[in-house]
């Protein structure tokens, strides 16, 4: 067991009584997420060797900041106080005004768990020019989840770089 497998295979290959000798490499992924939907919905991650990558860099870049330039990110709980005017959609259907509405807005718990608010860095909304890029479409939150969803906690799916800090930047109006 202490000998170099390649050296042993070469020595065995030189023995006239041995027809062929080759090292058998065994690889074992050390980190396979226990998130229940990882195996069924994220079949693509094992195909790109994410488990091997997680073994190489298990912390997945806790000092790295990833900016998500999209429709915003559901990174905090908020109450939206809005006035909804009438509008006509692309098919010509007219919708009536709803007036003043108070809408509860929840953070995506798999992105920002309680006590992880420091995970969000310098959020900005370039559409409304403020520091609250809430995601009213869901696309930016989905992208942020693919990048950095909490992983290995037995909930939902896995994020690729699950320890990075996220910078929500709203650049797409929805």
N, C-alpha and C. Protein backbone atom coordinates (compact mmCIF):
# COMPACT_ATOMS: atom_id res chain seq x y z
N UNK A 1 0.80 -1.22 0.00
CA UNK A 1 0.00 0.00 0.00
C UNK A 1 0.84 1.28 0.00
N UNK A 2 2.05 1.23 0.54
CA UNK A 2 2.87 2.43 0.61
C UNK A 2 3.62 2.71 -0.69
N UNK A 3 3.60 1.77 -1.62
CA UNK A 3 4.35 1.95 -2.86
C UNK A 3 3.58 2.79 -3.86
N UNK A 4 4.33 3.43 -4.76
CA UNK A 4 3.74 4.26 -5.81
C UNK A 4 3.04 3.37 -6.82
N UNK A 5 1.75 3.54 -7.05
CA UNK A 5 1.00 2.68 -7.96
C UNK A 5 1.56 2.65 -9.39
N UNK A 6 2.03 3.79 -9.89
CA UNK A 6 2.58 3.82 -11.26
C UNK A 6 3.86 3.00 -11.35
N UNK A 7 4.70 3.06 -10.32
CA UNK A 7 5.95 2.29 -10.30
C UNK A 7 5.64 0.80 -10.24
N UNK A 8 4.68 0.42 -9.42
CA UNK A 8 4.29 -0.99 -9.30
C UNK A 8 3.73 -1.50 -10.63
N UNK A 9 2.86 -0.71 -11.28
CA UNK A 9 2.28 -1.12 -12.56
C UNK A 9 3.36 -1.28 -13.61
N UNK A 10 4.33 -0.38 -13.62
CA UNK A 10 5.43 -0.48 -14.60
C UNK A 10 6.25 -1.75 -14.35
N UNK A 11 6.56 -2.01 -13.08
CA UNK A 11 7.35 -3.21 -12.74
C UNK A 11 6.59 -4.48 -13.11
N UNK A 12 5.30 -4.50 -12.83
CA UNK A 12 4.49 -5.66 -13.20
C UNK A 12 4.41 -5.82 -14.72
N UNK A 13 4.32 -4.72 -15.44
CA UNK A 13 4.26 -4.76 -16.90
C UNK A 13 5.53 -5.31 -17.53
N UNK A 14 6.65 -5.17 -16.83
CA UNK A 14 7.93 -5.69 -17.34
C UNK A 14 8.11 -7.17 -17.03
N UNK A 15 7.30 -7.72 -16.17
CA UNK A 15 7.37 -9.15 -15.83
C UNK A 15 6.82 -9.95 -17.01
N UNK A 16 7.59 -10.94 -17.54
CA UNK A 16 7.12 -11.72 -18.69
C UNK A 16 5.84 -12.51 -18.39
N UNK A 17 5.56 -12.79 -17.15
CA UNK A 17 4.35 -13.53 -16.80
C UNK A 17 3.11 -12.65 -16.71
N UNK A 18 3.27 -11.34 -16.89
CA UNK A 18 2.15 -10.41 -16.82
C UNK A 18 1.91 -9.83 -18.21
N UNK A 19 0.70 -10.02 -18.69
CA UNK A 19 0.38 -9.52 -20.04
C UNK A 19 0.21 -8.01 -20.06
N UNK A 20 -0.43 -7.45 -19.04
CA UNK A 20 -0.71 -6.01 -19.03
C UNK A 20 -0.92 -5.55 -17.60
N UNK A 21 -0.40 -4.40 -17.25
CA UNK A 21 -0.61 -3.83 -15.91
C UNK A 21 -0.87 -2.34 -16.04
N UNK A 22 -1.88 -1.87 -15.33
CA UNK A 22 -2.24 -0.46 -15.37
C UNK A 22 -2.75 -0.04 -13.99
N UNK A 23 -2.44 1.18 -13.63
CA UNK A 23 -2.93 1.73 -12.37
C UNK A 23 -4.44 1.93 -12.48
N UNK A 24 -5.16 1.54 -11.45
CA UNK A 24 -6.59 1.79 -11.39
C UNK A 24 -6.79 2.97 -10.43
N UNK A 25 -7.22 4.08 -11.01
CA UNK A 25 -7.45 5.27 -10.19
C UNK A 25 -8.88 5.24 -9.68
N UNK A 26 -9.03 5.48 -8.42
CA UNK A 26 -10.36 5.58 -7.83
C UNK A 26 -10.54 7.01 -7.34
N UNK A 27 -11.65 7.55 -7.69
CA UNK A 27 -11.95 8.92 -7.26
C UNK A 27 -13.23 8.89 -6.44
N UNK A 28 -13.19 9.60 -5.36
CA UNK A 28 -14.36 9.68 -4.50
C UNK A 28 -14.65 11.14 -4.23
N UNK A 29 -15.83 11.56 -4.57
CA UNK A 29 -16.22 12.92 -4.24
C UNK A 29 -16.41 13.02 -2.74
N UNK A 30 -15.79 14.00 -2.14
CA UNK A 30 -15.92 14.17 -0.70
C UNK A 30 -17.14 15.01 -0.35
N UNK A 31 -17.49 15.93 -1.25
CA UNK A 31 -18.62 16.79 -0.95
C UNK A 31 -19.73 16.58 -1.98
N UNK A 32 -20.76 15.92 -1.55
CA UNK A 32 -21.98 15.79 -2.34
C UNK A 32 -23.07 16.43 -1.50
N UNK A 33 -23.68 17.52 -1.99
CA UNK A 33 -24.68 18.22 -1.19
C UNK A 33 -25.82 17.31 -0.74
N UNK A 34 -26.28 17.54 0.46
CA UNK A 34 -27.41 16.77 0.98
C UNK A 34 -28.75 17.47 0.72
N UNK A 35 -28.71 18.48 -0.14
CA UNK A 35 -29.93 19.20 -0.48
C UNK A 35 -30.82 18.27 -1.32
N UNK A 36 -32.08 18.06 -0.94
CA UNK A 36 -32.89 17.00 -1.54
C UNK A 36 -33.13 17.14 -3.05
N UNK A 37 -33.13 18.33 -3.58
CA UNK A 37 -33.40 18.50 -5.01
C UNK A 37 -32.12 18.53 -5.85
N UNK A 38 -30.98 18.44 -5.20
CA UNK A 38 -29.71 18.44 -5.93
C UNK A 38 -29.63 17.28 -6.92
N UNK A 39 -29.92 16.09 -6.49
CA UNK A 39 -29.79 14.91 -7.34
C UNK A 39 -30.81 14.85 -8.47
N UNK A 40 -31.99 15.42 -8.26
CA UNK A 40 -33.04 15.31 -9.27
C UNK A 40 -33.14 16.52 -10.20
N UNK A 41 -32.96 17.71 -9.68
CA UNK A 41 -33.11 18.90 -10.51
C UNK A 41 -31.79 19.47 -11.01
N UNK A 42 -30.70 19.11 -10.36
CA UNK A 42 -29.42 19.68 -10.75
C UNK A 42 -28.47 18.62 -11.32
N UNK A 43 -28.99 17.81 -12.22
CA UNK A 43 -28.22 16.76 -12.88
C UNK A 43 -27.03 17.34 -13.63
N UNK A 44 -27.13 18.63 -14.01
CA UNK A 44 -26.06 19.26 -14.78
C UNK A 44 -24.80 19.53 -13.96
N UNK A 45 -24.92 19.72 -12.66
CA UNK A 45 -23.74 20.04 -11.85
C UNK A 45 -22.76 18.87 -11.76
N UNK A 46 -23.20 17.63 -11.53
CA UNK A 46 -22.24 16.53 -11.60
C UNK A 46 -21.63 16.38 -13.00
N UNK A 47 -22.39 16.73 -14.04
CA UNK A 47 -21.86 16.61 -15.40
C UNK A 47 -20.69 17.56 -15.65
N UNK A 48 -20.65 18.70 -14.96
CA UNK A 48 -19.54 19.63 -15.12
C UNK A 48 -18.53 19.49 -13.97
N UNK A 49 -18.61 18.37 -13.27
CA UNK A 49 -17.67 18.03 -12.19
C UNK A 49 -17.67 19.02 -11.03
N UNK A 50 -18.85 19.52 -10.66
CA UNK A 50 -18.91 20.44 -9.52
C UNK A 50 -18.49 19.77 -8.23
N UNK A 51 -18.79 18.48 -8.05
CA UNK A 51 -18.40 17.81 -6.81
C UNK A 51 -16.89 17.80 -6.67
N UNK A 52 -16.18 17.59 -7.77
CA UNK A 52 -14.71 17.63 -7.74
C UNK A 52 -14.24 19.06 -7.43
N UNK A 53 -14.89 20.05 -8.04
CA UNK A 53 -14.53 21.44 -7.78
C UNK A 53 -14.77 21.80 -6.32
N UNK A 54 -15.89 21.34 -5.75
CA UNK A 54 -16.15 21.61 -4.34
C UNK A 54 -15.10 20.95 -3.45
N UNK A 55 -14.57 19.79 -3.87
CA UNK A 55 -13.50 19.15 -3.11
C UNK A 55 -12.23 19.99 -3.14
N UNK A 56 -11.94 20.60 -4.29
CA UNK A 56 -10.74 21.41 -4.43
C UNK A 56 -10.86 22.70 -3.64
N UNK A 57 -12.03 23.33 -3.68
CA UNK A 57 -12.25 24.60 -3.01
C UNK A 57 -13.53 24.51 -2.18
N UNK A 58 -13.49 23.83 -1.03
CA UNK A 58 -14.72 23.63 -0.26
C UNK A 58 -15.34 24.92 0.28
N UNK A 59 -14.57 25.93 0.49
CA UNK A 59 -15.16 27.18 1.01
C UNK A 59 -15.83 27.98 -0.09
N UNK A 60 -15.61 27.61 -1.36
CA UNK A 60 -16.26 28.25 -2.50
C UNK A 60 -16.13 29.77 -2.49
N UNK A 61 -14.98 30.27 -2.05
CA UNK A 61 -14.67 31.68 -2.19
C UNK A 61 -15.35 32.63 -1.24
N UNK A 62 -15.25 32.41 0.05
CA UNK A 62 -15.93 33.27 1.01
C UNK A 62 -15.41 34.72 0.99
N UNK A 63 -14.28 34.97 0.36
CA UNK A 63 -13.77 36.34 0.26
C UNK A 63 -14.07 36.95 -1.11
N UNK A 64 -14.79 36.24 -1.95
CA UNK A 64 -15.09 36.69 -3.31
C UNK A 64 -16.47 37.36 -3.33
N UNK A 65 -16.58 38.47 -4.06
CA UNK A 65 -17.85 39.16 -4.24
C UNK A 65 -18.29 38.94 -5.69
N UNK A 66 -19.52 38.46 -5.87
CA UNK A 66 -20.08 38.26 -7.21
C UNK A 66 -21.23 39.25 -7.39
N UNK A 67 -21.09 40.12 -8.39
CA UNK A 67 -22.17 41.06 -8.71
C UNK A 67 -23.17 40.36 -9.61
N UNK A 68 -24.44 40.44 -9.25
CA UNK A 68 -25.52 39.86 -10.04
C UNK A 68 -26.26 41.02 -10.69
N UNK A 69 -25.93 41.30 -11.96
CA UNK A 69 -26.56 42.38 -12.71
C UNK A 69 -27.78 41.81 -13.42
N UNK A 70 -28.95 42.11 -12.89
CA UNK A 70 -30.15 41.47 -13.40
C UNK A 70 -31.37 42.29 -12.97
N UNK A 71 -32.44 41.59 -12.59
CA UNK A 71 -33.70 42.24 -12.20
C UNK A 71 -33.75 42.57 -10.71
N UNK A 72 -32.62 42.48 -10.02
CA UNK A 72 -32.56 42.65 -8.58
C UNK A 72 -32.46 41.30 -7.91
N UNK A 73 -32.43 41.28 -6.60
CA UNK A 73 -32.33 40.04 -5.83
C UNK A 73 -33.20 40.18 -4.58
N UNK A 74 -33.93 39.11 -4.25
CA UNK A 74 -34.74 39.10 -3.03
C UNK A 74 -33.83 38.82 -1.84
N UNK A 75 -33.16 39.86 -1.37
CA UNK A 75 -32.16 39.68 -0.32
C UNK A 75 -32.60 40.22 1.04
N UNK A 76 -33.76 40.87 1.11
CA UNK A 76 -34.23 41.36 2.41
C UNK A 76 -35.74 41.44 2.42
N UNK A 77 -36.29 41.38 3.61
CA UNK A 77 -37.73 41.54 3.79
C UNK A 77 -38.05 43.03 3.70
N UNK A 78 -39.18 43.32 3.08
CA UNK A 78 -39.57 44.73 2.93
C UNK A 78 -41.09 44.81 2.80
N UNK A 79 -41.60 46.00 2.96
CA UNK A 79 -43.00 46.28 2.69
C UNK A 79 -43.01 47.35 1.61
N UNK A 80 -43.60 47.01 0.48
CA UNK A 80 -43.66 47.95 -0.63
C UNK A 80 -44.98 48.69 -0.59
N UNK A 81 -44.91 49.99 -0.57
CA UNK A 81 -46.11 50.84 -0.58
C UNK A 81 -46.14 51.49 -1.95
N UNK A 82 -47.02 50.99 -2.83
CA UNK A 82 -47.00 51.42 -4.23
C UNK A 82 -48.39 51.87 -4.67
N UNK A 83 -48.42 52.66 -5.74
CA UNK A 83 -49.67 53.02 -6.39
C UNK A 83 -49.66 52.35 -7.75
N UNK A 84 -50.64 51.48 -7.96
CA UNK A 84 -50.71 50.72 -9.20
C UNK A 84 -51.72 51.37 -10.14
N UNK A 85 -51.20 51.93 -11.23
CA UNK A 85 -52.03 52.61 -12.22
C UNK A 85 -52.56 51.62 -13.25
N UNK A 86 -53.52 52.04 -14.01
CA UNK A 86 -54.03 51.18 -15.09
C UNK A 86 -52.95 51.07 -16.16
N UNK A 87 -53.04 49.98 -16.93
CA UNK A 87 -52.09 49.81 -18.02
C UNK A 87 -52.69 48.89 -19.08
N UNK A 88 -52.10 48.93 -20.25
CA UNK A 88 -52.50 48.08 -21.36
C UNK A 88 -51.32 47.19 -21.70
N UNK A 89 -51.56 45.87 -21.76
CA UNK A 89 -50.46 44.95 -22.04
C UNK A 89 -50.16 44.90 -23.55
N UNK A 90 -49.19 44.10 -23.93
CA UNK A 90 -48.75 44.01 -25.32
C UNK A 90 -49.83 43.46 -26.25
N UNK A 91 -50.83 42.77 -25.70
CA UNK A 91 -51.92 42.22 -26.52
C UNK A 91 -53.11 43.17 -26.60
N UNK A 92 -52.98 44.36 -26.01
CA UNK A 92 -54.06 45.34 -26.06
C UNK A 92 -55.09 45.20 -24.96
N UNK A 93 -54.86 44.32 -23.99
CA UNK A 93 -55.80 44.14 -22.88
C UNK A 93 -55.53 45.24 -21.86
N UNK A 94 -56.60 45.96 -21.49
CA UNK A 94 -56.46 47.05 -20.53
C UNK A 94 -56.81 46.55 -19.13
N UNK A 95 -55.94 46.89 -18.18
CA UNK A 95 -56.15 46.50 -16.79
C UNK A 95 -56.43 47.75 -15.97
N UNK A 96 -57.40 47.68 -15.04
CA UNK A 96 -57.78 48.87 -14.26
C UNK A 96 -56.74 49.21 -13.19
N UNK A 97 -56.76 50.44 -12.78
CA UNK A 97 -55.88 50.89 -11.69
C UNK A 97 -56.31 50.22 -10.39
N UNK A 98 -55.37 49.86 -9.58
CA UNK A 98 -55.67 49.27 -8.28
C UNK A 98 -55.43 50.26 -7.15
N UNK A 99 -54.85 51.41 -7.49
CA UNK A 99 -54.61 52.43 -6.48
C UNK A 99 -53.47 52.07 -5.55
N UNK A 100 -53.54 52.60 -4.34
CA UNK A 100 -52.48 52.38 -3.36
C UNK A 100 -52.57 50.94 -2.83
N UNK A 101 -51.44 50.25 -2.85
CA UNK A 101 -51.36 48.86 -2.37
C UNK A 101 -50.14 48.72 -1.47
N UNK A 102 -50.30 47.97 -0.42
CA UNK A 102 -49.17 47.62 0.46
C UNK A 102 -48.89 46.14 0.22
N UNK A 103 -47.67 45.87 -0.24
CA UNK A 103 -47.31 44.52 -0.65
C UNK A 103 -46.16 44.02 0.21
N UNK A 104 -46.36 42.90 0.92
CA UNK A 104 -45.23 42.33 1.68
C UNK A 104 -44.25 41.68 0.71
N UNK A 105 -42.98 41.82 1.00
CA UNK A 105 -41.92 41.29 0.13
C UNK A 105 -40.94 40.53 1.01
N UNK A 106 -40.67 39.29 0.65
CA UNK A 106 -39.81 38.44 1.50
C UNK A 106 -38.48 38.14 0.84
N UNK A 107 -37.46 38.05 1.67
CA UNK A 107 -36.13 37.64 1.19
C UNK A 107 -36.14 36.16 0.89
N UNK A 108 -35.31 35.75 -0.03
CA UNK A 108 -35.14 34.33 -0.35
C UNK A 108 -34.29 33.71 0.76
N UNK A 109 -34.87 32.86 1.60
CA UNK A 109 -34.14 32.35 2.77
C UNK A 109 -32.92 31.51 2.42
N UNK A 110 -32.88 30.92 1.23
CA UNK A 110 -31.72 30.12 0.85
C UNK A 110 -30.55 30.98 0.37
N UNK A 111 -30.80 32.28 0.15
CA UNK A 111 -29.71 33.19 -0.20
C UNK A 111 -29.18 33.90 1.03
N UNK A 112 -30.11 34.37 1.84
CA UNK A 112 -29.73 35.13 3.02
C UNK A 112 -30.48 34.56 4.21
N UNK A 113 -29.82 33.71 4.95
CA UNK A 113 -30.43 33.16 6.15
C UNK A 113 -30.30 34.19 7.27
N UNK A 114 -31.03 33.98 8.34
CA UNK A 114 -30.92 34.91 9.46
C UNK A 114 -29.48 34.93 9.94
N UNK A 115 -29.00 36.13 10.18
CA UNK A 115 -27.63 36.29 10.64
C UNK A 115 -26.61 36.33 9.51
N UNK A 116 -27.06 36.31 8.25
CA UNK A 116 -26.12 36.34 7.13
C UNK A 116 -26.27 37.61 6.30
N UNK A 117 -26.72 38.70 6.90
CA UNK A 117 -26.91 39.92 6.14
C UNK A 117 -25.58 40.47 5.61
N UNK A 118 -24.46 40.10 6.24
CA UNK A 118 -23.16 40.56 5.76
C UNK A 118 -22.78 39.90 4.44
N UNK A 119 -23.55 38.94 4.02
CA UNK A 119 -23.30 38.27 2.74
C UNK A 119 -23.64 39.18 1.57
N UNK A 120 -24.50 40.16 1.78
CA UNK A 120 -24.91 41.10 0.73
C UNK A 120 -24.02 42.33 0.80
N UNK A 121 -23.44 42.68 -0.36
CA UNK A 121 -22.48 43.77 -0.42
C UNK A 121 -22.96 44.83 -1.41
N UNK A 122 -23.03 46.07 -1.00
CA UNK A 122 -23.29 47.24 -1.85
C UNK A 122 -24.42 47.06 -2.86
N UNK A 123 -25.64 46.74 -2.42
CA UNK A 123 -26.74 46.61 -3.38
C UNK A 123 -27.08 47.96 -4.01
N UNK A 124 -27.50 47.93 -5.28
CA UNK A 124 -27.90 49.18 -5.93
C UNK A 124 -28.92 48.90 -7.03
N UNK A 125 -29.86 49.82 -7.17
CA UNK A 125 -30.90 49.76 -8.19
C UNK A 125 -30.66 50.91 -9.17
N UNK A 126 -30.18 50.59 -10.37
CA UNK A 126 -29.93 51.62 -11.37
C UNK A 126 -31.21 52.03 -12.11
N UNK A 127 -32.28 51.28 -11.94
CA UNK A 127 -33.55 51.65 -12.57
C UNK A 127 -34.21 52.78 -11.78
N UNK A 128 -34.30 52.63 -10.47
CA UNK A 128 -34.94 53.63 -9.62
C UNK A 128 -33.93 54.46 -8.84
N UNK A 129 -32.65 54.23 -9.09
CA UNK A 129 -31.55 54.95 -8.48
C UNK A 129 -31.64 55.00 -6.95
N UNK A 130 -31.70 53.80 -6.36
CA UNK A 130 -31.65 53.71 -4.90
C UNK A 130 -30.87 52.47 -4.49
N UNK A 131 -30.83 52.22 -3.21
CA UNK A 131 -30.03 51.10 -2.69
C UNK A 131 -30.87 49.90 -2.31
N UNK A 132 -32.04 49.73 -2.92
CA UNK A 132 -32.90 48.59 -2.63
C UNK A 132 -33.33 47.93 -3.94
N UNK A 133 -32.46 47.12 -4.54
CA UNK A 133 -32.80 46.47 -5.81
C UNK A 133 -33.68 45.24 -5.63
N UNK A 134 -34.94 45.46 -5.20
CA UNK A 134 -35.85 44.32 -5.02
C UNK A 134 -36.16 43.69 -6.37
N UNK A 135 -36.34 42.40 -6.37
CA UNK A 135 -36.58 41.63 -7.59
C UNK A 135 -38.07 41.35 -7.73
N UNK A 136 -38.73 42.09 -8.60
CA UNK A 136 -40.17 41.90 -8.80
C UNK A 136 -40.45 40.87 -9.89
N UNK A 137 -39.42 40.38 -10.54
CA UNK A 137 -39.57 39.40 -11.61
C UNK A 137 -39.17 37.99 -11.18
N UNK A 138 -38.14 37.87 -10.37
CA UNK A 138 -37.66 36.57 -9.89
C UNK A 138 -36.43 36.07 -10.62
N UNK A 139 -36.13 36.63 -11.78
CA UNK A 139 -34.99 36.15 -12.56
C UNK A 139 -33.66 36.40 -11.86
N UNK A 140 -33.46 37.60 -11.35
CA UNK A 140 -32.20 37.92 -10.67
C UNK A 140 -32.00 37.06 -9.43
N UNK A 141 -33.08 36.78 -8.71
CA UNK A 141 -32.99 35.92 -7.53
C UNK A 141 -32.63 34.50 -7.95
N UNK A 142 -33.19 34.03 -9.05
CA UNK A 142 -32.86 32.69 -9.57
C UNK A 142 -31.38 32.62 -9.94
N UNK A 143 -30.88 33.63 -10.63
CA UNK A 143 -29.47 33.66 -11.02
C UNK A 143 -28.58 33.70 -9.78
N UNK A 144 -28.94 34.53 -8.81
CA UNK A 144 -28.17 34.61 -7.56
C UNK A 144 -28.17 33.27 -6.83
N UNK A 145 -29.30 32.55 -6.89
CA UNK A 145 -29.38 31.23 -6.27
C UNK A 145 -28.50 30.21 -6.96
N UNK A 146 -28.46 30.24 -8.28
CA UNK A 146 -27.58 29.34 -9.02
C UNK A 146 -26.13 29.59 -8.63
N UNK A 147 -25.78 30.84 -8.44
CA UNK A 147 -24.42 31.19 -8.05
C UNK A 147 -24.17 30.84 -6.58
N UNK A 148 -25.01 31.33 -5.69
CA UNK A 148 -24.64 31.27 -4.29
C UNK A 148 -25.66 30.77 -3.30
N UNK A 149 -26.58 29.92 -3.73
CA UNK A 149 -27.55 29.37 -2.78
C UNK A 149 -26.83 28.59 -1.68
N UNK A 150 -27.35 28.70 -0.46
CA UNK A 150 -26.79 27.92 0.65
C UNK A 150 -26.84 26.45 0.28
N UNK A 151 -25.77 25.73 0.59
CA UNK A 151 -25.62 24.35 0.12
C UNK A 151 -25.20 23.45 1.27
N UNK A 152 -25.65 22.20 1.19
CA UNK A 152 -25.28 21.23 2.21
C UNK A 152 -26.07 21.40 3.50
N UNK A 153 -27.24 22.03 3.40
CA UNK A 153 -28.05 22.26 4.60
C UNK A 153 -29.35 21.45 4.58
N UNK A 154 -29.46 20.52 3.63
CA UNK A 154 -30.64 19.65 3.58
C UNK A 154 -31.91 20.32 3.10
N UNK A 155 -31.78 21.48 2.41
CA UNK A 155 -32.95 22.21 1.93
C UNK A 155 -32.77 22.57 0.46
N UNK A 156 -33.77 22.31 -0.36
CA UNK A 156 -33.77 22.79 -1.74
C UNK A 156 -32.68 22.24 -2.62
N UNK A 157 -31.99 23.17 -3.32
CA UNK A 157 -30.95 22.82 -4.28
C UNK A 157 -29.61 23.37 -3.80
N UNK A 158 -28.58 23.21 -4.64
CA UNK A 158 -27.23 23.65 -4.29
C UNK A 158 -26.80 24.83 -5.14
N UNK A 159 -26.01 25.72 -4.56
CA UNK A 159 -25.40 26.83 -5.30
C UNK A 159 -23.98 26.44 -5.70
N UNK A 160 -23.52 26.99 -6.80
CA UNK A 160 -22.20 26.64 -7.31
C UNK A 160 -21.09 27.16 -6.40
N UNK A 161 -21.15 28.42 -6.04
CA UNK A 161 -20.14 29.02 -5.16
C UNK A 161 -20.88 29.53 -3.92
N UNK A 162 -21.26 28.59 -3.07
CA UNK A 162 -22.24 28.86 -2.02
C UNK A 162 -21.75 29.70 -0.85
N UNK A 163 -20.50 30.10 -0.83
CA UNK A 163 -20.03 30.96 0.26
C UNK A 163 -19.62 32.35 -0.20
N UNK A 164 -19.82 32.66 -1.47
CA UNK A 164 -19.43 33.99 -1.95
C UNK A 164 -20.35 35.05 -1.38
N UNK A 165 -19.87 36.27 -1.40
CA UNK A 165 -20.73 37.41 -1.06
C UNK A 165 -21.43 37.82 -2.36
N UNK A 166 -22.64 38.32 -2.25
CA UNK A 166 -23.43 38.70 -3.42
C UNK A 166 -23.67 40.21 -3.45
N UNK A 167 -23.54 40.79 -4.64
CA UNK A 167 -23.81 42.21 -4.84
C UNK A 167 -25.00 42.33 -5.78
N UNK A 168 -26.21 42.53 -5.24
CA UNK A 168 -27.39 42.67 -6.10
C UNK A 168 -27.38 44.03 -6.81
N UNK A 169 -27.45 44.00 -8.13
CA UNK A 169 -27.47 45.22 -8.93
C UNK A 169 -28.63 45.12 -9.92
N UNK A 170 -29.61 45.99 -9.76
CA UNK A 170 -30.77 45.96 -10.65
C UNK A 170 -30.48 46.85 -11.87
N UNK A 171 -30.41 46.19 -13.02
CA UNK A 171 -30.19 46.91 -14.27
C UNK A 171 -31.27 46.60 -15.30
N UNK A 172 -32.18 45.67 -14.97
CA UNK A 172 -33.26 45.29 -15.86
C UNK A 172 -34.58 45.66 -15.20
N UNK A 173 -35.39 46.44 -15.87
CA UNK A 173 -36.68 46.87 -15.34
C UNK A 173 -37.73 45.81 -15.61
N UNK A 174 -38.52 45.48 -14.60
CA UNK A 174 -39.59 44.51 -14.77
C UNK A 174 -40.90 45.10 -14.30
